[in-house]
Amino acid sequence: MKIDLNFEETSRLELLALHAAKPKAQILIEAARYLLDHDAGCCEHCRAAETQKFLPDDEMEARFARILRHPSHAQH
């Protein structure tokens, strides 16, 4: 697999490899494995939304109707 990095990314990768005393390819493999193992391609907000429970349409409509009938409740 070919990976195209710009100059800054290549420089940062080289520094990481030097500090870790590992080849650049090994650093990239470890990074890819970490992302795959931790599903890190998805941000925390996305994961939170996946587990969040949504109200059924009829319940949402009922709540809006109550708010519209009693606007003072919307401020609480």
N, C-alpha and C. Protein backbone atom coordinates (compact mmCIF):
# COMPACT_ATOMS: atom_id res chain seq x y z
N MET A 1 0.85 -1.16 0.00
CA MET A 1 0.00 0.00 0.00
C MET A 1 0.90 1.24 0.00
N LYS A 2 0.54 2.19 -0.82
CA LYS A 2 1.31 3.43 -0.87
C LYS A 2 0.59 4.50 -0.05
N ILE A 3 1.35 5.20 0.75
CA ILE A 3 0.79 6.27 1.57
C ILE A 3 1.47 7.57 1.19
N ASP A 4 0.67 8.54 0.78
CA ASP A 4 1.21 9.85 0.41
C ASP A 4 1.08 10.80 1.59
N LEU A 5 2.21 11.28 2.06
CA LEU A 5 2.24 12.25 3.15
C LEU A 5 2.90 13.52 2.64
N ASN A 6 2.44 14.66 3.16
CA ASN A 6 3.12 15.90 2.77
C ASN A 6 4.42 16.02 3.56
N PHE A 7 5.17 17.06 3.31
CA PHE A 7 6.48 17.23 3.93
C PHE A 7 6.39 17.25 5.45
N GLU A 8 5.43 18.01 5.99
CA GLU A 8 5.30 18.12 7.45
C GLU A 8 4.93 16.77 8.07
N GLU A 9 4.00 16.06 7.44
CA GLU A 9 3.60 14.76 7.96
C GLU A 9 4.76 13.76 7.92
N THR A 10 5.51 13.80 6.83
CA THR A 10 6.68 12.91 6.72
C THR A 10 7.70 13.22 7.80
N SER A 11 7.93 14.50 8.04
CA SER A 11 8.89 14.91 9.08
C SER A 11 8.43 14.46 10.46
N ARG A 12 7.16 14.63 10.74
CA ARG A 12 6.63 14.21 12.04
C ARG A 12 6.72 12.70 12.20
N LEU A 13 6.43 11.97 11.12
CA LEU A 13 6.54 10.51 11.17
C LEU A 13 7.98 10.09 11.43
N GLU A 14 8.93 10.74 10.78
CA GLU A 14 10.34 10.42 11.00
C GLU A 14 10.75 10.68 12.44
N LEU A 15 10.27 11.78 13.01
CA LEU A 15 10.57 12.07 14.43
C LEU A 15 9.97 11.01 15.35
N LEU A 16 8.73 10.63 15.08
CA LEU A 16 8.11 9.59 15.89
C LEU A 16 8.90 8.29 15.81
N ALA A 17 9.31 7.94 14.60
CA ALA A 17 10.08 6.72 14.41
C ALA A 17 11.41 6.78 15.15
N LEU A 18 12.07 7.93 15.10
CA LEU A 18 13.34 8.08 15.83
C LEU A 18 13.15 7.94 17.33
N HIS A 19 12.13 8.62 17.86
CA HIS A 19 11.88 8.57 19.31
C HIS A 19 11.48 7.17 19.77
N ALA A 20 10.75 6.45 18.92
CA ALA A 20 10.30 5.10 19.28
C ALA A 20 11.33 4.04 18.92
N ALA A 21 12.36 4.42 18.20
CA ALA A 21 13.40 3.49 17.72
C ALA A 21 12.76 2.35 16.92
N LYS A 22 11.85 2.74 16.03
CA LYS A 22 11.16 1.78 15.17
C LYS A 22 11.18 2.30 13.75
N PRO A 23 11.05 1.42 12.78
CA PRO A 23 10.95 1.87 11.39
C PRO A 23 9.63 2.63 11.18
N LYS A 24 9.65 3.55 10.21
CA LYS A 24 8.45 4.34 9.92
C LYS A 24 7.27 3.45 9.57
N ALA A 25 7.53 2.39 8.81
CA ALA A 25 6.44 1.49 8.43
C ALA A 25 5.79 0.86 9.65
N GLN A 26 6.59 0.52 10.66
CA GLN A 26 6.04 -0.08 11.89
C GLN A 26 5.16 0.92 12.64
N ILE A 27 5.57 2.17 12.66
CA ILE A 27 4.77 3.21 13.31
C ILE A 27 3.41 3.32 12.62
N LEU A 28 3.41 3.31 11.30
CA LEU A 28 2.15 3.41 10.54
C LEU A 28 1.27 2.19 10.76
N ILE A 29 1.87 1.01 10.81
CA ILE A 29 1.09 -0.21 11.05
C ILE A 29 0.47 -0.16 12.44
N GLU A 30 1.24 0.24 13.44
CA GLU A 30 0.70 0.33 14.80
C GLU A 30 -0.42 1.36 14.90
N ALA A 31 -0.25 2.48 14.20
CA ALA A 31 -1.29 3.51 14.21
C ALA A 31 -2.57 2.98 13.56
N ALA A 32 -2.43 2.28 12.45
CA ALA A 32 -3.60 1.72 11.77
C ALA A 32 -4.30 0.68 12.65
N ARG A 33 -3.52 -0.17 13.29
CA ARG A 33 -4.11 -1.18 14.18
C ARG A 33 -4.84 -0.53 15.35
N TYR A 34 -4.24 0.52 15.90
CA TYR A 34 -4.89 1.23 17.01
C TYR A 34 -6.24 1.78 16.56
N LEU A 35 -6.27 2.42 15.39
CA LEU A 35 -7.52 2.98 14.89
C LEU A 35 -8.57 1.89 14.67
N LEU A 36 -8.15 0.76 14.12
CA LEU A 36 -9.09 -0.33 13.88
C LEU A 36 -9.57 -0.94 15.19
N ASP A 37 -8.67 -1.15 16.14
CA ASP A 37 -9.04 -1.76 17.42
C ASP A 37 -9.94 -0.88 18.26
N HIS A 38 -9.75 0.42 18.17
CA HIS A 38 -10.50 1.35 19.01
C HIS A 38 -11.59 2.08 18.28
N ASP A 39 -11.86 1.69 17.06
CA ASP A 39 -12.88 2.36 16.26
C ASP A 39 -12.69 3.87 16.31
N ALA A 40 -11.41 4.28 16.29
CA ALA A 40 -11.08 5.69 16.46
C ALA A 40 -11.39 6.52 15.24
N GLY A 41 -11.80 5.91 14.15
CA GLY A 41 -12.21 6.69 12.99
C GLY A 41 -13.49 7.44 13.25
N CYS A 42 -14.17 7.04 14.30
CA CYS A 42 -15.42 7.69 14.67
C CYS A 42 -15.19 8.51 15.93
N CYS A 43 -15.63 9.74 15.89
CA CYS A 43 -15.42 10.62 17.05
C CYS A 43 -16.34 10.22 18.21
N GLU A 44 -16.03 10.71 19.39
CA GLU A 44 -16.82 10.42 20.58
C GLU A 44 -18.27 10.86 20.41
N HIS A 45 -18.49 11.99 19.75
CA HIS A 45 -19.85 12.49 19.55
C HIS A 45 -20.66 11.51 18.71
N CYS A 46 -20.04 10.93 17.70
CA CYS A 46 -20.74 9.96 16.85
C CYS A 46 -21.12 8.73 17.65
N ARG A 47 -20.18 8.22 18.45
CA ARG A 47 -20.48 7.04 19.24
C ARG A 47 -21.57 7.32 20.26
N ALA A 48 -21.56 8.50 20.85
CA ALA A 48 -22.59 8.86 21.82
C ALA A 48 -23.95 8.92 21.13
N ALA A 49 -23.99 9.45 19.93
CA ALA A 49 -25.25 9.55 19.20
C ALA A 49 -25.77 8.17 18.82
N GLU A 50 -24.88 7.23 18.54
CA GLU A 50 -25.31 5.89 18.18
C GLU A 50 -26.03 5.20 19.33
N THR A 51 -25.61 5.48 20.56
CA THR A 51 -26.20 4.82 21.72
C THR A 51 -27.35 5.62 22.32
N GLN A 52 -27.53 6.83 21.85
CA GLN A 52 -28.57 7.69 22.40
C GLN A 52 -29.94 7.20 21.96
N LYS A 53 -30.88 7.22 22.89
CA LYS A 53 -32.24 6.80 22.59
C LYS A 53 -33.03 7.98 22.05
N PHE A 54 -33.79 7.75 20.98
CA PHE A 54 -34.60 8.79 20.39
C PHE A 54 -36.07 8.52 20.70
N LEU A 55 -36.82 9.59 20.81
CA LEU A 55 -38.25 9.46 21.06
C LEU A 55 -38.97 9.05 19.78
N PRO A 56 -39.99 8.22 19.91
CA PRO A 56 -40.81 7.92 18.73
C PRO A 56 -41.49 9.21 18.24
N ASP A 57 -41.85 9.24 16.97
CA ASP A 57 -42.46 10.43 16.38
C ASP A 57 -43.70 10.89 17.13
N ASP A 58 -44.56 9.95 17.52
CA ASP A 58 -45.79 10.35 18.20
C ASP A 58 -45.51 11.00 19.56
N GLU A 59 -44.51 10.50 20.27
CA GLU A 59 -44.15 11.10 21.55
C GLU A 59 -43.56 12.49 21.35
N MET A 60 -42.72 12.66 20.32
CA MET A 60 -42.15 13.97 20.04
C MET A 60 -43.24 14.97 19.68
N GLU A 61 -44.19 14.56 18.86
CA GLU A 61 -45.30 15.44 18.48
C GLU A 61 -46.14 15.81 19.69
N ALA A 62 -46.36 14.87 20.58
CA ALA A 62 -47.14 15.14 21.79
C ALA A 62 -46.43 16.16 22.68
N ARG A 63 -45.12 16.03 22.79
CA ARG A 63 -44.36 16.99 23.60
C ARG A 63 -44.41 18.39 23.00
N PHE A 64 -44.25 18.48 21.67
CA PHE A 64 -44.35 19.79 21.02
C PHE A 64 -45.73 20.39 21.21
N ALA A 65 -46.75 19.56 21.10
CA ALA A 65 -48.13 20.05 21.29
C ALA A 65 -48.30 20.61 22.69
N ARG A 66 -47.77 19.91 23.70
CA ARG A 66 -47.88 20.41 25.08
C ARG A 66 -47.15 21.74 25.24
N ILE A 67 -45.99 21.86 24.63
CA ILE A 67 -45.22 23.11 24.72
C ILE A 67 -45.99 24.25 24.06
N LEU A 68 -46.59 23.97 22.91
CA LEU A 68 -47.33 25.01 22.20
C LEU A 68 -48.58 25.42 22.96
N ARG A 69 -49.22 24.48 23.63
CA ARG A 69 -50.41 24.80 24.44
C ARG A 69 -50.04 25.57 25.70
N HIS A 70 -48.87 25.26 26.26
CA HIS A 70 -48.45 25.88 27.52
C HIS A 70 -47.03 26.42 27.36
N PRO A 71 -46.85 27.58 26.71
CA PRO A 71 -45.51 28.10 26.44
C PRO A 71 -44.67 28.33 27.69
N SER A 72 -45.31 28.53 28.83
CA SER A 72 -44.54 28.78 30.06
C SER A 72 -43.73 27.55 30.45
N HIS A 73 -44.17 26.35 30.06
CA HIS A 73 -43.44 25.14 30.38
C HIS A 73 -42.13 25.04 29.60
N ALA A 74 -42.06 25.70 28.48
CA ALA A 74 -40.85 25.62 27.65
C ALA A 74 -39.67 26.30 28.32
N GLN A 75 -39.93 27.22 29.24
CA GLN A 75 -38.83 27.96 29.87
C GLN A 75 -38.27 27.21 31.07
N HIS A 76 -38.91 26.16 31.53
CA HIS A 76 -38.45 25.43 32.73
C HIS A 76 -37.37 24.49 32.39
